[in-house]
Amino acid sequence: MRLRQTLLTSFFLCVLCVLCGSFFFLIGLLLLIATPIARVIFSLFAFVRQRDLTYIIVTSIVLIELIYSLVGEKS
């Protein structure tokens, strides 16, 4: 059992060494961008379930602004 755990640990360390640092940088950046967008989407679903029109409108505006800031026009 101990040998198996050691081999598994060394395998994961080898995989980490093979992958370049930019991959981890891109994954971290993607998570940082996706977190607020996912939070707004889940909030929108919750407000739709509660049928709270004011919060649905406000959350929709925030979601549109978030998406526009990612894919909108760049100057």
C-alpha atoms as a PDB file:
ATOM      1  CA  MET A   1       0.000   0.000   0.000  1.00  0.00           C
ATOM      2  CA  ARG A   2       2.803   2.405   0.895  1.00  0.00           C
ATOM      3  CA  LEU A   3       4.658   1.623  -2.347  1.00  0.00           C
ATOM      4  CA  ARG A   4       1.511   2.228  -4.364  1.00  0.00           C
ATOM      5  CA  GLN A   5       0.996   5.623  -2.705  1.00  0.00           C
ATOM      6  CA  THR A   6       4.624   6.569  -3.340  1.00  0.00           C
ATOM      7  CA  LEU A   7       4.367   5.589  -7.012  1.00  0.00           C
ATOM      8  CA  LEU A   8       1.152   7.527  -7.410  1.00  0.00           C
ATOM      9  CA  THR A   9       2.691  10.601  -5.799  1.00  0.00           C
ATOM     10  CA  SER A  10       5.779  10.402  -7.995  1.00  0.00           C
ATOM     11  CA  PHE A  11       3.567  10.000 -11.072  1.00  0.00           C
ATOM     12  CA  PHE A  12       1.659  13.181 -10.252  1.00  0.00           C
ATOM     13  CA  LEU A  13       4.914  15.029  -9.627  1.00  0.00           C
ATOM     14  CA  CYS A  14       6.219  13.912 -13.031  1.00  0.00           C
ATOM     15  CA  VAL A  15       3.028  15.064 -14.702  1.00  0.00           C
ATOM     16  CA  LEU A  16       3.331  18.448 -12.982  1.00  0.00           C
ATOM     17  CA  CYS A  17       6.927  18.776 -14.130  1.00  0.00           C
ATOM     18  CA  VAL A  18       6.011  17.981 -17.730  1.00  0.00           C
ATOM     19  CA  LEU A  19       3.228  20.569 -17.858  1.00  0.00           C
ATOM     20  CA  CYS A  20       4.512  24.081 -18.344  1.00  0.00           C
ATOM     21  CA  GLY A  21       3.802  26.922 -15.967  1.00  0.00           C
ATOM     22  CA  SER A  22       1.793  28.885 -18.512  1.00  0.00           C
ATOM     23  CA  PHE A  23      -0.850  26.144 -18.468  1.00  0.00           C
ATOM     24  CA  PHE A  24      -1.411  26.651 -14.742  1.00  0.00           C
ATOM     25  CA  PHE A  25      -1.386  30.406 -15.240  1.00  0.00           C
ATOM     26  CA  LEU A  26      -4.115  30.154 -17.899  1.00  0.00           C
ATOM     27  CA  ILE A  27      -6.241  27.811 -15.778  1.00  0.00           C
ATOM     28  CA  GLY A  28      -5.983  30.185 -12.815  1.00  0.00           C
ATOM     29  CA  LEU A  29      -6.871  33.157 -14.973  1.00  0.00           C
ATOM     30  CA  LEU A  30      -9.855  31.309 -16.420  1.00  0.00           C
ATOM     31  CA  LEU A  31     -11.097  30.466 -12.935  1.00  0.00           C
ATOM     32  CA  LEU A  32     -10.722  34.072 -11.811  1.00  0.00           C
ATOM     33  CA  ILE A  33     -12.772  35.262 -14.782  1.00  0.00           C
ATOM     34  CA  ALA A  34     -15.406  32.515 -14.589  1.00  0.00           C
ATOM     35  CA  THR A  35     -16.124  32.793 -10.866  1.00  0.00           C
ATOM     36  CA  PRO A  36     -18.015  36.117 -10.856  1.00  0.00           C
ATOM     37  CA  ILE A  37     -19.859  35.218 -14.049  1.00  0.00           C
ATOM     38  CA  ALA A  38     -20.996  31.892 -12.584  1.00  0.00           C
ATOM     39  CA  ARG A  39     -22.059  33.611  -9.388  1.00  0.00           C
ATOM     40  CA  VAL A  40     -24.217  36.109 -11.296  1.00  0.00           C
ATOM     41  CA  ILE A  41     -25.759  33.320 -13.397  1.00  0.00           C
ATOM     42  CA  PHE A  42     -26.648  31.273 -10.309  1.00  0.00           C
ATOM     43  CA  SER A  43     -28.068  34.383  -8.647  1.00  0.00           C
ATOM     44  CA  LEU A  44     -30.187  35.044 -11.723  1.00  0.00           C
ATOM     45  CA  PHE A  45     -31.593  31.507 -11.581  1.00  0.00           C
ATOM     46  CA  ALA A  46     -32.377  31.927  -7.891  1.00  0.00           C
ATOM     47  CA  PHE A  47     -34.198  35.200  -8.495  1.00  0.00           C
ATOM     48  CA  VAL A  48     -36.161  33.677 -11.356  1.00  0.00           C
ATOM     49  CA  ARG A  49     -37.267  30.857  -9.066  1.00  0.00           C
ATOM     50  CA  GLN A  50     -38.350  33.412  -6.469  1.00  0.00           C
ATOM     51  CA  ARG A  51     -40.048  35.528  -9.173  1.00  0.00           C
ATOM     52  CA  ASP A  52     -38.398  38.701  -7.878  1.00  0.00           C
ATOM     53  CA  LEU A  53     -38.629  40.979 -10.892  1.00  0.00           C
ATOM     54  CA  THR A  54     -36.479  43.814  -9.538  1.00  0.00           C
ATOM     55  CA  TYR A  55     -33.524  41.546  -8.810  1.00  0.00           C
ATOM     56  CA  ILE A  56     -34.000  39.696 -12.096  1.00  0.00           C
ATOM     57  CA  ILE A  57     -33.637  42.962 -14.001  1.00  0.00           C
ATOM     58  CA  VAL A  58     -30.643  44.174 -11.991  1.00  0.00           C
ATOM     59  CA  THR A  59     -28.868  40.803 -12.199  1.00  0.00           C
ATOM     60  CA  SER A  60     -29.548  40.584 -15.942  1.00  0.00           C
ATOM     61  CA  ILE A  61     -27.996  44.015 -16.455  1.00  0.00           C
ATOM     62  CA  VAL A  62     -24.934  42.984 -14.446  1.00  0.00           C
ATOM     63  CA  LEU A  63     -24.603  39.749 -16.450  1.00  0.00           C
ATOM     64  CA  ILE A  64     -24.890  41.628 -19.750  1.00  0.00           C
ATOM     65  CA  GLU A  65     -22.193  44.066 -18.630  1.00  0.00           C
ATOM     66  CA  LEU A  66     -19.896  41.229 -17.550  1.00  0.00           C
ATOM     67  CA  ILE A  67     -20.283  39.423 -20.860  1.00  0.00           C
ATOM     68  CA  TYR A  68     -19.870  42.648 -22.825  1.00  0.00           C
ATOM     69  CA  SER A  69     -16.675  43.442 -20.948  1.00  0.00           C
ATOM     70  CA  LEU A  70     -15.244  40.103 -22.081  1.00  0.00           C
ATOM     71  CA  VAL A  71     -16.369  39.987 -25.703  1.00  0.00           C
ATOM     72  CA  GLY A  72     -17.314  43.584 -26.461  1.00  0.00           C
ATOM     73  CA  GLU A  73     -15.507  46.101 -28.594  1.00  0.00           C
ATOM     74  CA  LYS A  74     -11.891  46.749 -27.751  1.00  0.00           C
ATOM     75  CA  SER A  75     -10.470  50.166 -28.425  1.00  0.00           C
END
